[in-house]
Amino acid sequence: MINLNMSTMIYLPINQVFDFVSTPENDFQWQYGTLATARLSKGISKLGTIFRSIGHLMGQRNLGTFEVTEYESNRKYGFKSLSGPMHSQTSYTFVIANGGTRITISTRVHLVNYYKLDKRILGRKIKKQLKEDLTQLKDLLEEKIPGLKAYPVAG
């Protein structure tokens, strides 16, 4: 089992960060390796919503189906895999802090011997990818809505 936790500050209101992250169709804009994502049910994300994602990892193209397992507006958003090469559970938490939003991602991944790789190697690859994804999310959102930027107070 691979367990990873990391966070970053995004200097935008919590509702904008939450709305963007909890919309699966936005994933390809900030998640490296995600080619397309679509909900299989209509309407906003909520508990039980199913979505499908096409992406690549370690040179392999894969299709995964996911179910939303946590949805508390502006607080928590999470999902688990229902299919795909890895069993995973991911949770995002959102907290107002220092004039912006602290977003924390926690993910647990269980290998289904699909990649025939050492767990440590895959863990390092996933950790690197999560760091890059959070950086991309921060850059995208802060540049996309520059009029709403806030800056932390030095201290």
Protein backbone atom coordinates (compact mmCIF):
# COMPACT_ATOMS: atom_id res chain seq x y z
CA MET A 1 0.00 0.00 0.00
CA ILE A 2 1.29 3.47 -0.93
CA ASN A 3 0.11 6.35 1.32
CA LEU A 4 0.85 9.95 0.34
CA ASN A 5 -0.16 13.32 1.80
CA MET A 6 0.76 16.80 0.58
CA SER A 7 -0.68 20.28 0.44
CA THR A 8 -0.28 23.71 -1.07
CA MET A 9 -1.72 27.20 -0.70
CA ILE A 10 -3.81 28.69 -3.47
CA TYR A 11 -4.53 32.36 -3.06
CA LEU A 12 -8.15 32.30 -4.15
CA PRO A 13 -11.47 31.97 -2.30
CA ILE A 14 -12.21 28.47 -1.06
CA ASN A 15 -15.40 28.09 -3.14
CA GLN A 16 -13.54 28.68 -6.41
CA VAL A 17 -10.80 26.17 -5.57
CA PHE A 18 -13.35 23.58 -4.37
CA ASP A 19 -15.63 24.02 -7.40
CA PHE A 20 -12.73 23.61 -9.83
CA VAL A 21 -11.19 20.56 -8.14
CA SER A 22 -14.52 18.78 -7.59
CA THR A 23 -15.44 19.02 -11.28
CA PRO A 24 -13.93 15.89 -12.88
CA GLU A 25 -14.02 17.44 -16.37
CA ASN A 26 -11.30 19.89 -15.20
CA ASP A 27 -8.83 17.13 -14.29
CA PHE A 28 -7.01 17.14 -17.63
CA GLN A 29 -6.13 20.82 -17.12
CA TRP A 30 -4.03 20.18 -14.03
CA GLN A 31 -3.39 16.45 -13.59
CA TYR A 32 -0.40 15.23 -15.54
CA GLY A 33 -1.25 12.08 -17.43
CA THR A 34 -5.02 12.67 -17.51
CA LEU A 35 -6.25 12.89 -21.09
CA ALA A 36 -10.01 13.15 -20.47
CA THR A 37 -12.52 12.72 -17.66
CA ALA A 38 -16.31 12.68 -17.81
CA ARG A 39 -19.13 12.09 -15.35
CA LEU A 40 -21.38 9.18 -16.16
CA SER A 41 -24.29 10.82 -14.33
CA LYS A 42 -25.67 14.30 -14.96
CA GLY A 43 -25.50 17.23 -12.58
CA ILE A 44 -22.94 18.34 -10.05
CA SER A 45 -20.62 15.97 -8.26
CA LYS A 46 -22.14 14.49 -5.13
CA LEU A 47 -21.86 11.31 -3.11
CA GLY A 48 -22.21 8.32 -5.38
CA THR A 49 -21.46 10.19 -8.62
CA ILE A 50 -19.52 7.97 -11.05
CA PHE A 51 -16.92 9.31 -13.46
CA ARG A 52 -14.51 7.77 -15.92
CA SER A 53 -10.97 8.91 -16.65
CA ILE A 54 -8.60 8.12 -19.50
CA GLY A 55 -4.93 8.68 -18.82
CA HIS A 56 -1.46 7.26 -18.87
CA LEU A 57 0.97 6.24 -16.17
CA MET A 58 4.42 4.72 -16.58
CA GLY A 59 3.96 4.61 -20.35
CA GLN A 60 0.70 2.67 -20.16
CA ARG A 61 -2.65 4.05 -21.27
CA ASN A 62 -5.46 3.16 -18.90
CA LEU A 63 -9.13 3.68 -18.31
CA GLY A 64 -10.45 3.97 -14.77
CA THR A 65 -13.91 4.32 -13.26
CA PHE A 66 -14.31 6.20 -9.98
CA GLU A 67 -17.04 6.88 -7.42
CA VAL A 68 -17.31 10.06 -5.34
CA THR A 69 -17.12 8.97 -1.69
CA GLU A 70 -16.82 12.36 0.04
CA TYR A 71 -18.54 15.60 -0.86
CA GLU A 72 -18.90 18.44 1.64
CA SER A 73 -19.10 21.74 -0.21
CA ASN A 74 -15.97 23.84 0.33
CA ARG A 75 -14.56 21.28 2.81
CA LYS A 76 -13.99 17.78 1.39
CA TYR A 77 -14.03 15.96 -1.91
CA GLY A 78 -12.97 12.35 -2.35
CA PHE A 79 -13.30 9.37 -4.62
CA LYS A 80 -12.24 5.74 -4.96
CA SER A 81 -11.41 3.64 -7.97
CA LEU A 82 -13.90 1.04 -9.10
CA SER A 83 -11.75 -0.23 -11.96
CA GLY A 84 -8.36 0.32 -13.47
CA PRO A 85 -4.80 -0.90 -12.93
CA MET A 86 -4.58 0.33 -9.33
CA HIS A 87 -7.00 0.41 -6.44
CA SER A 88 -6.93 3.93 -5.03
CA GLN A 89 -8.74 6.24 -2.67
CA THR A 90 -8.12 9.98 -2.86
CA SER A 91 -9.36 12.76 -0.62
CA TYR A 92 -8.97 16.53 -0.89
CA THR A 93 -9.55 18.84 2.06
CA PHE A 94 -9.97 22.60 1.77
CA VAL A 95 -9.31 25.10 4.57
CA ILE A 96 -9.36 28.90 4.56
CA ALA A 97 -5.88 30.08 5.58
CA ASN A 98 -3.66 33.14 5.17
CA GLY A 99 -5.94 34.93 2.69
CA GLY A 100 -6.41 31.88 0.48
CA THR A 101 -7.17 28.19 0.48
CA ARG A 102 -4.98 25.39 1.78
CA ILE A 103 -5.69 22.26 -0.24
CA THR A 104 -4.43 18.93 1.05
CA ILE A 105 -4.46 15.71 -0.92
CA SER A 106 -4.31 12.31 0.73
CA THR A 107 -4.15 9.23 -1.43
CA ARG A 108 -3.82 5.51 -0.83
CA VAL A 109 -2.85 3.26 -3.71
CA HIS A 110 -2.77 -0.52 -3.80
CA LEU A 111 -0.94 -2.09 -6.72
CA VAL A 112 -2.73 -4.72 -8.73
CA ASN A 113 0.50 -6.14 -10.13
CA TYR A 114 -0.40 -4.48 -13.44
CA TYR A 115 2.88 -2.62 -13.84
CA LYS A 116 5.10 -5.35 -12.37
CA LEU A 117 7.09 -2.59 -10.69
CA ASP A 118 8.60 -2.25 -7.29
CA LYS A 119 6.18 -0.50 -4.94
CA ARG A 120 8.89 2.02 -3.92
CA ILE A 121 9.56 3.04 -7.51
CA LEU A 122 5.87 3.53 -8.24
CA GLY A 123 5.42 5.38 -4.92
CA ARG A 124 8.18 7.86 -5.84
CA LYS A 125 6.66 8.33 -9.30
CA ILE A 126 3.18 8.99 -7.88
CA LYS A 127 4.57 11.38 -5.23
CA LYS A 128 6.45 13.36 -7.89
CA GLN A 129 3.33 13.47 -10.04
CA LEU A 130 1.14 14.69 -7.14
CA LYS A 131 3.61 17.50 -6.37
CA GLU A 132 3.61 18.54 -10.02
CA ASP A 133 -0.20 18.35 -10.15
CA LEU A 134 -0.59 20.63 -7.11
CA THR A 135 1.89 23.11 -8.59
CA GLN A 136 0.01 23.05 -11.89
CA LEU A 137 -3.33 23.53 -10.09
CA LYS A 138 -1.98 26.49 -8.11
CA ASP A 139 -0.46 28.13 -11.20
CA LEU A 140 -3.54 27.53 -13.33
CA LEU A 141 -6.05 28.89 -10.84
CA GLU A 142 -4.02 31.89 -9.70
CA GLU A 143 -3.29 32.90 -13.31
CA LYS A 144 -6.79 32.08 -14.57
CA ILE A 145 -8.49 34.45 -12.13
CA PRO A 146 -5.79 37.07 -11.41
CA GLY A 147 -8.21 39.70 -10.11
CA LEU A 148 -9.09 37.45 -7.18
CA LYS A 149 -5.52 36.89 -5.98
CA ALA A 150 -4.78 37.51 -2.37
CA TYR A 151 -1.34 37.41 -0.88
CA PRO A 152 -0.29 36.07 2.50
CA VAL A 153 0.79 38.43 5.21
CA ALA A 154 4.54 38.09 5.82
CA GLY A 155 5.30 36.84 9.26
